Amino acid sequence: ATVAEAVLEMRRGRAGSVLIPVHGGTIRESRHGFGIFTERDYLRLLGSAGRSGQSLDARTVPISSVMTAASAVRYVTPDKPAYECLEVLAQEDIRHLPVMQPPLPPPSEAGKAAPASPTDSPRLIAVLSMRDLLSRFLRSGPG
């Protein structure tokens, strides 16, 4: 995919980021491995092109050249309190945080290890943004 396709997808979803599957063609097929492309990545790309005086055609820039790789994506589990999620976002200087369901313990017969399966990896269930958290805190506010 290209940067232009990712930006269009973000606009369609009114989102500040889009997940980029690393296995298969869709996020459903790649629920265990994905990179992330954000508005900040796009702004960095535009700024870099502007500083160097190069023209930029986002339809020709591969998303893989500017996204955050799957190995560097930070995530939390669904039981993480909101304030701890906010701390992760602030400490890592990021604005989007995938929420991953931990793997289920494999069923096993007495004393036998169960074979590995796709459920042995965390599974994506949502993406939390700084905007989500701040709007929640600001809406609830102090009494």
Protein backbone atom coordinates (compact mmCIF):
# COMPACT_ATOMS: atom_id res chain seq x y z
CA ALA A 1 0.00 0.00 0.00
CA THR A 2 1.03 3.62 -0.39
CA VAL A 3 0.98 6.60 1.93
CA ALA A 4 -1.88 8.09 -0.09
CA GLU A 5 -4.00 4.96 0.46
CA ALA A 6 -3.28 5.04 4.20
CA VAL A 7 -4.17 8.73 4.47
CA LEU A 8 -7.44 8.13 2.60
CA GLU A 9 -8.26 5.26 4.94
CA MET A 10 -7.63 7.48 7.97
CA ARG A 11 -9.93 10.14 6.51
CA ARG A 12 -12.67 7.58 5.80
CA GLY A 13 -12.50 6.31 9.36
CA ARG A 14 -12.01 9.78 10.88
CA ALA A 15 -9.00 8.30 12.68
CA GLY A 16 -5.53 9.54 13.49
CA SER A 17 -3.90 6.24 12.60
CA VAL A 18 -4.27 3.14 10.51
CA LEU A 19 -2.94 -0.34 11.22
CA ILE A 20 -0.86 -1.97 8.49
CA PRO A 21 -1.11 -5.79 8.34
CA VAL A 22 2.17 -7.66 8.02
CA HIS A 23 0.55 -11.03 7.25
CA GLY A 24 -2.20 -11.45 4.70
CA GLY A 25 -4.07 -8.60 3.09
CA THR A 26 -6.34 -7.44 5.89
CA ILE A 27 -6.05 -6.68 9.58
CA ARG A 28 -8.40 -9.60 10.28
CA GLU A 29 -5.89 -11.94 8.62
CA SER A 30 -3.04 -10.25 10.47
CA ARG A 31 -4.47 -9.73 13.96
CA HIS A 32 -1.17 -10.75 15.55
CA GLY A 33 1.25 -8.68 13.48
CA PHE A 34 0.81 -5.15 12.26
CA GLY A 35 2.61 -1.87 11.90
CA ILE A 36 1.00 1.50 12.46
CA PHE A 37 0.91 4.67 10.36
CA THR A 38 -0.18 7.89 12.06
CA GLU A 39 -0.88 11.51 11.26
CA ARG A 40 2.49 12.29 12.85
CA ASP A 41 4.25 9.93 10.40
CA TYR A 42 2.56 11.73 7.52
CA LEU A 43 3.56 15.16 8.84
CA ARG A 44 7.17 13.98 9.26
CA LEU A 45 7.18 12.77 5.67
CA LEU A 46 5.80 16.10 4.41
CA GLY A 47 8.30 18.05 6.53
CA SER A 48 11.21 15.96 5.31
CA ALA A 49 10.22 16.46 1.69
CA GLY A 50 9.75 20.21 2.26
CA ARG A 51 13.15 20.64 3.96
CA SER A 52 14.94 18.81 1.18
CA GLY A 53 13.06 20.67 -1.54
CA GLN A 54 11.78 17.43 -3.06
CA SER A 55 8.31 17.11 -4.47
CA LEU A 56 6.27 14.38 -2.85
CA ASP A 57 3.72 12.16 -4.52
CA ALA A 58 2.16 10.17 -1.68
CA ARG A 59 0.73 7.77 -4.28
CA THR A 60 4.25 6.46 -4.93
CA VAL A 61 5.66 6.29 -1.39
CA PRO A 62 5.34 2.77 0.07
CA ILE A 63 3.70 2.79 3.49
CA SER A 64 6.34 0.36 4.75
CA SER A 65 9.00 3.06 4.36
CA VAL A 66 7.37 5.44 6.86
CA MET A 67 5.20 3.36 9.22
CA THR A 68 6.22 2.15 12.66
CA ALA A 69 7.28 -1.48 12.24
CA ALA A 70 5.37 -4.23 14.04
CA SER A 71 8.37 -4.95 16.27
CA ALA A 72 8.27 -1.39 17.65
CA VAL A 73 4.51 -1.08 18.22
CA ARG A 74 3.67 -0.62 21.91
CA TYR A 75 0.40 -2.08 23.17
CA VAL A 76 -1.62 -2.67 26.34
CA THR A 77 -4.03 -5.36 27.49
CA PRO A 78 -7.74 -4.65 28.00
CA ASP A 79 -7.43 -4.77 31.80
CA LYS A 80 -4.98 -1.83 31.89
CA PRO A 81 -6.48 1.17 33.75
CA ALA A 82 -7.00 4.30 31.65
CA TYR A 83 -4.52 6.38 33.65
CA GLU A 84 -1.80 3.75 33.03
CA CYS A 85 -2.58 3.84 29.30
CA LEU A 86 -2.20 7.61 29.42
CA GLU A 87 1.16 7.16 31.18
CA VAL A 88 2.36 4.79 28.42
CA LEU A 89 1.30 7.27 25.74
CA ALA A 90 3.12 10.12 27.50
CA GLN A 91 6.27 8.15 28.36
CA GLU A 92 6.64 6.75 24.85
CA ASP A 93 5.64 10.06 23.20
CA ILE A 94 3.02 8.30 21.10
CA ARG A 95 -0.64 9.07 20.45
CA HIS A 96 -2.10 5.68 19.46
CA LEU A 97 -2.02 2.50 21.51
CA PRO A 98 -3.31 -0.87 20.29
CA VAL A 99 -5.22 -2.94 22.84
CA MET A 100 -4.28 -6.62 22.60
CA GLN A 101 -6.03 -9.63 24.14
CA PRO A 102 -3.43 -11.92 25.73
CA PRO A 103 -3.30 -15.49 24.41
CA LEU A 104 -5.57 -18.00 26.05
CA PRO A 105 -3.84 -20.82 27.89
CA PRO A 106 -3.86 -23.85 25.61
CA PRO A 107 -5.97 -26.81 26.63
CA SER A 108 -3.80 -29.76 27.53
CA GLU A 109 -4.23 -33.33 28.45
CA ALA A 110 -2.79 -34.48 31.77
CA GLY A 111 0.96 -33.82 31.58
CA LYS A 112 1.05 -33.28 27.78
CA ALA A 113 1.92 -29.96 26.20
CA ALA A 114 -0.67 -28.65 23.78
CA PRO A 115 0.47 -27.95 20.20
CA ALA A 116 1.14 -24.34 19.26
CA SER A 117 -1.73 -22.52 17.59
CA PRO A 118 -2.52 -19.02 16.28
CA THR A 119 -4.07 -18.19 19.67
CA ASP A 120 -0.57 -18.37 21.22
CA SER A 121 -0.03 -14.70 20.33
CA PRO A 122 -1.81 -11.58 21.57
CA ARG A 123 -4.78 -10.60 19.39
CA LEU A 124 -5.72 -7.05 18.42
CA ILE A 125 -9.10 -5.95 19.78
CA ALA A 126 -8.99 -2.11 19.57
CA VAL A 127 -6.83 0.99 19.21
CA LEU A 128 -6.88 3.61 21.93
CA SER A 129 -5.85 7.16 21.11
CA MET A 130 -4.67 10.04 23.24
CA ARG A 131 -7.74 11.90 21.99
CA ASP A 132 -10.02 9.12 23.31
CA LEU A 133 -8.47 9.24 26.75
CA LEU A 134 -8.34 13.00 27.07
CA SER A 135 -11.93 13.45 25.95
CA ARG A 136 -13.02 10.80 28.50
CA PHE A 137 -11.10 12.48 31.33
CA LEU A 138 -12.23 15.96 30.37
CA ARG A 139 -15.86 14.89 30.04
CA SER A 140 -15.95 13.17 33.44
CA GLY A 141 -13.75 15.81 35.11
CA PRO A 142 -13.62 16.46 38.85
CA GLY A 143 -17.02 16.57 40.62
